N, C-alpha and C. Protein backbone atom coordinates (compact mmCIF):
# COMPACT_ATOMS: atom_id res chain seq x y z
N MET A 1 0.84 -1.19 0.00
CA MET A 1 0.00 0.00 0.00
C MET A 1 0.88 1.25 0.00
N THR A 2 0.55 2.19 -0.85
CA THR A 2 1.33 3.42 -0.98
C THR A 2 1.06 4.34 0.20
N LYS A 3 2.14 4.87 0.76
CA LYS A 3 2.02 5.82 1.86
C LYS A 3 1.59 7.18 1.29
N LYS A 4 0.52 7.75 1.85
CA LYS A 4 0.04 9.07 1.45
C LYS A 4 0.44 10.06 2.53
N VAL A 5 1.08 11.14 2.12
CA VAL A 5 1.56 12.15 3.06
C VAL A 5 1.02 13.52 2.66
N PHE A 6 0.37 14.17 3.60
CA PHE A 6 -0.15 15.52 3.38
C PHE A 6 0.93 16.53 3.72
N ILE A 7 1.10 17.55 2.89
CA ILE A 7 2.10 18.59 3.13
C ILE A 7 1.38 19.88 3.51
N ASP A 8 1.71 20.40 4.68
CA ASP A 8 1.10 21.63 5.18
C ASP A 8 1.88 22.86 4.70
N THR A 9 1.28 24.00 4.86
CA THR A 9 1.86 25.28 4.43
C THR A 9 3.25 25.50 4.99
N GLY A 10 3.43 25.27 6.28
CA GLY A 10 4.72 25.51 6.93
C GLY A 10 5.85 24.74 6.29
N ALA A 11 5.59 23.51 5.87
CA ALA A 11 6.62 22.70 5.23
C ALA A 11 7.01 23.30 3.87
N LEU A 12 6.03 23.78 3.13
CA LEU A 12 6.32 24.42 1.84
C LEU A 12 7.09 25.72 2.04
N ILE A 13 6.72 26.48 3.07
CA ILE A 13 7.46 27.71 3.38
C ILE A 13 8.90 27.39 3.75
N ALA A 14 9.10 26.33 4.52
CA ALA A 14 10.46 25.93 4.91
C ALA A 14 11.30 25.63 3.67
N LEU A 15 10.71 24.98 2.68
CA LEU A 15 11.44 24.70 1.45
C LEU A 15 11.85 25.99 0.74
N LEU A 16 10.98 26.98 0.79
CA LEU A 16 11.28 28.28 0.15
C LEU A 16 12.38 29.05 0.88
N GLU A 17 12.45 28.86 2.17
CA GLU A 17 13.38 29.66 2.97
C GLU A 17 14.82 29.18 2.88
N GLY A 18 15.05 28.05 2.23
CA GLY A 18 16.42 27.70 1.90
C GLY A 18 17.16 26.79 2.84
N GLU A 19 18.26 27.28 3.36
CA GLU A 19 19.24 26.43 4.02
C GLU A 19 19.15 26.35 5.54
N SER A 20 18.01 26.63 6.12
CA SER A 20 17.88 26.51 7.57
C SER A 20 17.85 25.04 7.96
N GLU A 21 18.03 24.76 9.24
CA GLU A 21 17.97 23.38 9.73
C GLU A 21 16.61 22.76 9.43
N VAL A 22 15.55 23.53 9.66
CA VAL A 22 14.19 23.02 9.41
C VAL A 22 14.00 22.75 7.92
N SER A 23 14.47 23.66 7.07
CA SER A 23 14.34 23.47 5.62
C SER A 23 15.02 22.18 5.18
N LEU A 24 16.21 21.94 5.69
CA LEU A 24 16.95 20.73 5.33
C LEU A 24 16.24 19.47 5.84
N ARG A 25 15.66 19.55 7.04
CA ARG A 25 14.91 18.40 7.58
C ARG A 25 13.69 18.09 6.72
N VAL A 26 12.98 19.14 6.30
CA VAL A 26 11.80 18.94 5.45
C VAL A 26 12.22 18.33 4.12
N PHE A 27 13.26 18.89 3.51
CA PHE A 27 13.74 18.39 2.22
C PHE A 27 14.16 16.92 2.34
N ASP A 28 14.92 16.59 3.37
CA ASP A 28 15.38 15.20 3.57
C ASP A 28 14.20 14.26 3.78
N LEU A 29 13.20 14.70 4.53
CA LEU A 29 12.03 13.87 4.78
C LEU A 29 11.23 13.64 3.49
N LEU A 30 11.05 14.69 2.70
CA LEU A 30 10.35 14.54 1.42
C LEU A 30 11.08 13.55 0.52
N LYS A 31 12.39 13.67 0.48
CA LYS A 31 13.22 12.77 -0.34
C LYS A 31 13.08 11.33 0.15
N LYS A 32 13.13 11.13 1.46
CA LYS A 32 13.02 9.79 2.04
C LYS A 32 11.66 9.16 1.69
N VAL A 33 10.58 9.91 1.90
CA VAL A 33 9.25 9.39 1.61
C VAL A 33 9.11 9.07 0.12
N ALA A 34 9.61 9.95 -0.73
CA ALA A 34 9.55 9.73 -2.18
C ALA A 34 10.34 8.47 -2.57
N ASN A 35 11.52 8.30 -1.99
CA ASN A 35 12.34 7.13 -2.29
C ASN A 35 11.67 5.83 -1.85
N GLU A 36 10.81 5.92 -0.84
CA GLU A 36 10.06 4.76 -0.35
C GLU A 36 8.75 4.56 -1.12
N GLY A 37 8.53 5.37 -2.16
CA GLY A 37 7.33 5.23 -2.99
C GLY A 37 6.12 5.97 -2.48
N GLY A 38 6.30 6.87 -1.51
CA GLY A 38 5.19 7.63 -0.97
C GLY A 38 4.65 8.65 -1.96
N LYS A 39 3.40 9.03 -1.75
CA LYS A 39 2.73 10.04 -2.58
C LYS A 39 2.40 11.25 -1.71
N PHE A 40 2.54 12.44 -2.29
CA PHE A 40 2.33 13.68 -1.56
C PHE A 40 1.03 14.35 -2.00
N PHE A 41 0.36 14.96 -1.01
CA PHE A 41 -0.88 15.69 -1.25
C PHE A 41 -0.83 17.01 -0.49
N THR A 42 -1.55 17.97 -1.01
CA THR A 42 -1.82 19.21 -0.29
C THR A 42 -3.18 19.68 -0.77
N SER A 43 -3.66 20.78 -0.22
CA SER A 43 -4.96 21.28 -0.68
C SER A 43 -4.80 22.62 -1.38
N ASP A 44 -5.83 22.98 -2.12
CA ASP A 44 -5.82 24.28 -2.77
C ASP A 44 -5.79 25.41 -1.73
N TYR A 45 -6.35 25.17 -0.55
CA TYR A 45 -6.32 26.19 0.50
C TYR A 45 -4.91 26.36 1.06
N VAL A 46 -4.16 25.26 1.16
CA VAL A 46 -2.76 25.36 1.59
C VAL A 46 -1.97 26.19 0.58
N LEU A 47 -2.19 25.93 -0.70
CA LEU A 47 -1.49 26.71 -1.72
C LEU A 47 -1.92 28.18 -1.69
N ASP A 48 -3.19 28.43 -1.42
CA ASP A 48 -3.66 29.81 -1.26
C ASP A 48 -2.92 30.49 -0.11
N GLU A 49 -2.81 29.78 1.01
CA GLU A 49 -2.11 30.32 2.18
C GLU A 49 -0.64 30.61 1.83
N LEU A 50 -0.03 29.69 1.11
CA LEU A 50 1.38 29.86 0.70
C LEU A 50 1.55 31.05 -0.24
N LEU A 51 0.71 31.14 -1.25
CA LEU A 51 0.82 32.25 -2.20
C LEU A 51 0.59 33.60 -1.52
N THR A 52 -0.36 33.65 -0.61
CA THR A 52 -0.62 34.88 0.14
C THR A 52 0.59 35.25 0.98
N TRP A 53 1.19 34.28 1.64
CA TRP A 53 2.40 34.52 2.44
C TRP A 53 3.54 35.05 1.55
N MET A 54 3.73 34.41 0.40
CA MET A 54 4.82 34.80 -0.50
C MET A 54 4.63 36.24 -1.01
N ARG A 55 3.44 36.52 -1.48
CA ARG A 55 3.20 37.80 -2.15
C ARG A 55 2.93 38.94 -1.17
N CYS A 56 2.10 38.71 -0.17
CA CYS A 56 1.66 39.79 0.71
C CYS A 56 2.52 39.98 1.94
N LYS A 57 3.01 38.89 2.52
CA LYS A 57 3.83 39.03 3.72
C LYS A 57 5.30 39.24 3.37
N LYS A 58 5.81 38.40 2.47
CA LYS A 58 7.23 38.47 2.12
C LYS A 58 7.52 39.39 0.94
N LYS A 59 6.47 39.80 0.25
CA LYS A 59 6.60 40.72 -0.89
C LYS A 59 7.51 40.17 -1.99
N PHE A 60 7.41 38.86 -2.23
CA PHE A 60 8.19 38.24 -3.30
C PHE A 60 7.75 38.82 -4.64
N ASP A 61 8.70 38.94 -5.53
CA ASP A 61 8.44 39.32 -6.90
C ASP A 61 7.50 38.29 -7.53
N MET A 62 6.56 38.74 -8.37
CA MET A 62 5.59 37.83 -8.97
C MET A 62 6.25 36.73 -9.79
N LYS A 63 7.37 37.02 -10.43
CA LYS A 63 8.06 35.98 -11.21
C LYS A 63 8.50 34.83 -10.29
N ARG A 64 8.99 35.17 -9.11
CA ARG A 64 9.41 34.14 -8.15
C ARG A 64 8.20 33.36 -7.64
N VAL A 65 7.11 34.06 -7.35
CA VAL A 65 5.89 33.41 -6.88
C VAL A 65 5.39 32.42 -7.93
N LEU A 66 5.30 32.88 -9.16
CA LEU A 66 4.79 32.03 -10.24
C LEU A 66 5.73 30.86 -10.53
N LYS A 67 7.02 31.10 -10.48
CA LYS A 67 7.99 30.02 -10.72
C LYS A 67 7.82 28.93 -9.67
N PHE A 68 7.69 29.33 -8.40
CA PHE A 68 7.53 28.34 -7.35
C PHE A 68 6.22 27.59 -7.48
N ILE A 69 5.13 28.30 -7.66
CA ILE A 69 3.83 27.63 -7.71
C ILE A 69 3.74 26.73 -8.94
N ASN A 70 4.34 27.14 -10.04
CA ASN A 70 4.36 26.28 -11.23
C ASN A 70 5.19 25.03 -10.98
N SER A 71 6.26 25.15 -10.20
CA SER A 71 7.06 23.96 -9.89
C SER A 71 6.27 23.00 -9.00
N VAL A 72 5.47 23.53 -8.09
CA VAL A 72 4.60 22.69 -7.27
C VAL A 72 3.53 22.04 -8.15
N HIS A 73 2.98 22.83 -9.06
CA HIS A 73 1.90 22.37 -9.92
C HIS A 73 2.33 21.19 -10.80
N VAL A 74 3.56 21.17 -11.25
CA VAL A 74 4.03 20.09 -12.12
C VAL A 74 4.81 19.03 -11.34
N SER A 75 4.90 19.18 -10.04
CA SER A 75 5.65 18.24 -9.22
C SER A 75 4.82 16.99 -8.93
N GLU A 76 5.33 16.20 -8.05
CA GLU A 76 4.65 14.98 -7.63
C GLU A 76 3.64 15.24 -6.51
N ILE A 77 3.36 16.50 -6.20
CA ILE A 77 2.39 16.83 -5.16
C ILE A 77 1.02 16.97 -5.80
N GLU A 78 0.09 16.11 -5.37
CA GLU A 78 -1.27 16.20 -5.88
C GLU A 78 -2.04 17.23 -5.07
N VAL A 79 -2.72 18.13 -5.78
CA VAL A 79 -3.49 19.18 -5.11
C VAL A 79 -4.94 18.72 -4.97
N PHE A 80 -5.39 18.69 -3.73
CA PHE A 80 -6.73 18.23 -3.39
C PHE A 80 -7.65 19.44 -3.35
N GLY A 81 -8.65 19.47 -4.21
CA GLY A 81 -9.58 20.60 -4.26
C GLY A 81 -10.65 20.50 -3.20
N VAL A 82 -10.96 21.61 -2.58
CA VAL A 82 -11.96 21.64 -1.52
C VAL A 82 -13.36 21.67 -2.15
N THR A 83 -14.17 20.72 -1.74
CA THR A 83 -15.56 20.63 -2.20
C THR A 83 -16.49 21.27 -1.17
N GLN A 84 -17.73 21.41 -1.53
CA GLN A 84 -18.72 21.96 -0.60
C GLN A 84 -18.86 21.06 0.63
N ASP A 85 -18.85 19.75 0.42
CA ASP A 85 -18.95 18.81 1.55
C ASP A 85 -17.73 18.92 2.46
N LEU A 86 -16.56 19.01 1.87
CA LEU A 86 -15.33 19.14 2.66
C LEU A 86 -15.33 20.44 3.45
N PHE A 87 -15.83 21.50 2.84
CA PHE A 87 -15.95 22.79 3.51
C PHE A 87 -16.83 22.63 4.77
N GLY A 88 -17.96 21.95 4.61
CA GLY A 88 -18.85 21.70 5.74
C GLY A 88 -18.20 20.85 6.81
N ASP A 89 -17.43 19.84 6.39
CA ASP A 89 -16.70 19.00 7.35
C ASP A 89 -15.69 19.82 8.14
N ALA A 90 -15.05 20.76 7.47
CA ALA A 90 -14.06 21.62 8.14
C ALA A 90 -14.74 22.51 9.18
N LEU A 91 -15.91 23.02 8.86
CA LEU A 91 -16.66 23.82 9.83
C LEU A 91 -17.00 23.00 11.07
N LYS A 92 -17.39 21.75 10.85
CA LYS A 92 -17.69 20.85 11.98
C LYS A 92 -16.45 20.62 12.84
N LEU A 93 -15.30 20.48 12.18
CA LEU A 93 -14.06 20.27 12.93
C LEU A 93 -13.68 21.52 13.73
N MET A 94 -13.95 22.70 13.18
CA MET A 94 -13.68 23.93 13.93
C MET A 94 -14.52 23.95 15.20
N ASP A 95 -15.77 23.50 15.08
CA ASP A 95 -16.66 23.44 16.24
C ASP A 95 -16.18 22.38 17.22
N LYS A 96 -15.78 21.22 16.71
CA LYS A 96 -15.31 20.13 17.56
C LYS A 96 -14.09 20.55 18.39
N TYR A 97 -13.18 21.29 17.75
CA TYR A 97 -11.95 21.74 18.41
C TYR A 97 -12.05 23.20 18.83
N ASP A 98 -13.19 23.59 19.40
CA ASP A 98 -13.40 24.99 19.74
C ASP A 98 -12.47 25.48 20.85
N ASP A 99 -11.79 24.56 21.53
CA ASP A 99 -10.82 24.95 22.55
C ASP A 99 -9.43 25.21 21.96
N GLN A 100 -9.28 24.96 20.66
CA GLN A 100 -8.01 25.17 19.96
C GLN A 100 -8.15 26.35 19.00
N TYR A 101 -7.06 26.97 18.68
CA TYR A 101 -7.08 28.07 17.72
C TYR A 101 -6.52 27.60 16.39
N PHE A 102 -7.19 26.57 15.82
CA PHE A 102 -6.81 26.07 14.51
C PHE A 102 -7.33 27.02 13.44
N SER A 103 -6.55 27.22 12.40
CA SER A 103 -7.03 28.01 11.28
C SER A 103 -8.06 27.19 10.50
N PHE A 104 -8.85 27.87 9.71
CA PHE A 104 -9.80 27.16 8.87
C PHE A 104 -9.06 26.28 7.87
N THR A 105 -7.93 26.75 7.37
CA THR A 105 -7.13 25.94 6.45
C THR A 105 -6.67 24.66 7.13
N ASP A 106 -6.26 24.73 8.40
CA ASP A 106 -5.90 23.51 9.13
C ASP A 106 -7.08 22.55 9.19
N CYS A 107 -8.26 23.05 9.51
CA CYS A 107 -9.43 22.19 9.61
C CYS A 107 -9.80 21.58 8.25
N LEU A 108 -9.62 22.35 7.18
CA LEU A 108 -9.82 21.80 5.84
C LEU A 108 -8.80 20.70 5.56
N SER A 109 -7.58 20.92 6.01
CA SER A 109 -6.54 19.91 5.82
C SER A 109 -6.88 18.63 6.59
N PHE A 110 -7.36 18.78 7.83
CA PHE A 110 -7.76 17.61 8.61
C PHE A 110 -8.85 16.84 7.88
N ALA A 111 -9.85 17.56 7.37
CA ALA A 111 -10.96 16.92 6.67
C ALA A 111 -10.47 16.24 5.39
N ALA A 112 -9.57 16.90 4.66
CA ALA A 112 -9.02 16.31 3.44
C ALA A 112 -8.23 15.04 3.76
N MET A 113 -7.46 15.07 4.84
CA MET A 113 -6.68 13.90 5.23
C MET A 113 -7.59 12.74 5.60
N LYS A 114 -8.70 13.03 6.25
CA LYS A 114 -9.66 11.97 6.58
C LYS A 114 -10.24 11.38 5.30
N GLU A 115 -10.57 12.25 4.35
CA GLU A 115 -11.12 11.77 3.08
C GLU A 115 -10.08 10.96 2.29
N LEU A 116 -8.83 11.38 2.37
CA LEU A 116 -7.75 10.66 1.68
C LEU A 116 -7.31 9.40 2.43
N LYS A 117 -7.85 9.22 3.62
CA LYS A 117 -7.51 8.08 4.47
C LYS A 117 -6.00 8.02 4.77
N THR A 118 -5.48 9.15 5.21
CA THR A 118 -4.08 9.20 5.62
C THR A 118 -3.96 9.86 6.98
N LYS A 119 -3.00 9.43 7.74
CA LYS A 119 -2.73 10.01 9.06
C LYS A 119 -1.41 10.78 9.04
N ASP A 120 -0.63 10.63 7.97
CA ASP A 120 0.71 11.21 7.92
C ASP A 120 0.73 12.59 7.30
N VAL A 121 1.47 13.47 7.95
CA VAL A 121 1.58 14.86 7.51
C VAL A 121 3.00 15.34 7.75
N ILE A 122 3.40 16.33 6.97
CA ILE A 122 4.64 17.06 7.24
C ILE A 122 4.21 18.49 7.53
N ALA A 123 4.38 18.89 8.79
CA ALA A 123 3.92 20.21 9.25
C ALA A 123 4.92 20.76 10.25
N LEU A 124 4.92 22.08 10.43
CA LEU A 124 5.85 22.73 11.35
C LEU A 124 5.21 23.08 12.69
N ASP A 125 3.94 22.77 12.85
CA ASP A 125 3.28 23.07 14.12
C ASP A 125 2.65 21.80 14.69
N LYS A 126 2.10 21.90 15.89
CA LYS A 126 1.55 20.74 16.59
C LYS A 126 0.06 20.54 16.33
N HIS A 127 -0.54 21.37 15.51
CA HIS A 127 -1.98 21.30 15.30
C HIS A 127 -2.44 19.94 14.79
N PHE A 128 -1.70 19.37 13.87
CA PHE A 128 -2.09 18.07 13.30
C PHE A 128 -2.01 16.96 14.35
N VAL A 129 -0.99 17.01 15.20
CA VAL A 129 -0.84 16.01 16.26
C VAL A 129 -1.99 16.14 17.26
N ILE A 130 -2.33 17.37 17.62
CA ILE A 130 -3.45 17.61 18.53
C ILE A 130 -4.74 17.01 17.96
N ALA A 131 -4.89 17.10 16.63
CA ALA A 131 -6.09 16.59 15.97
C ALA A 131 -6.01 15.08 15.69
N GLY A 132 -4.92 14.44 16.11
CA GLY A 132 -4.83 12.99 15.99
C GLY A 132 -4.06 12.45 14.80
N PHE A 133 -3.30 13.30 14.14
CA PHE A 133 -2.53 12.87 12.98
C PHE A 133 -1.06 12.65 13.37
N ASN A 134 -0.31 12.02 12.47
CA ASN A 134 1.09 11.69 12.70
C ASN A 134 1.99 12.65 11.91
N ASN A 135 2.65 13.55 12.62
CA ASN A 135 3.56 14.48 11.96
C ASN A 135 4.91 13.79 11.78
N LEU A 136 5.25 13.47 10.55
CA LEU A 136 6.50 12.77 10.24
C LEU A 136 7.73 13.60 10.58
N LEU A 137 7.55 14.92 10.70
CA LEU A 137 8.68 15.80 11.00
C LEU A 137 9.11 15.69 12.48
N LYS A 138 8.24 15.20 13.31
CA LYS A 138 8.54 14.99 14.74
C LYS A 138 9.06 16.26 15.40
N ILE A 139 8.26 17.31 15.32
CA ILE A 139 8.64 18.58 15.95
C ILE A 139 8.42 18.53 17.44
N ASN A 140 9.07 19.41 18.17
CA ASN A 140 8.90 19.49 19.64
C ASN A 140 7.95 20.59 20.00
């Protein structure tokens, strides 16, 4: 059975930021999973979050933004589109975890992972672990 791994926004940002320890850990983990035949997924909302971070927060030049997103688009990362049902599932998860300050994108990611039947994620925060998923990055 092929291992399915969801990639969160923070992991994609780490790849963009270059040579930090976290960036290298993310890159090495992606390489390891790929070498073991794993498949990568993310959502259109994660990519929205990433593009907004690149353009609005970091003020990246549009050529750099487009080059990166096009590389993701043609890569081995499958982009999972959010449906109306998934949107509703994410709202339910926000209500379920009302004691946590999860973003809506996180809740959409949780719902997408449930639909994809995967527990594995690469993320830079503890939100996925709190929600019952397995963060392969093993952050503290």
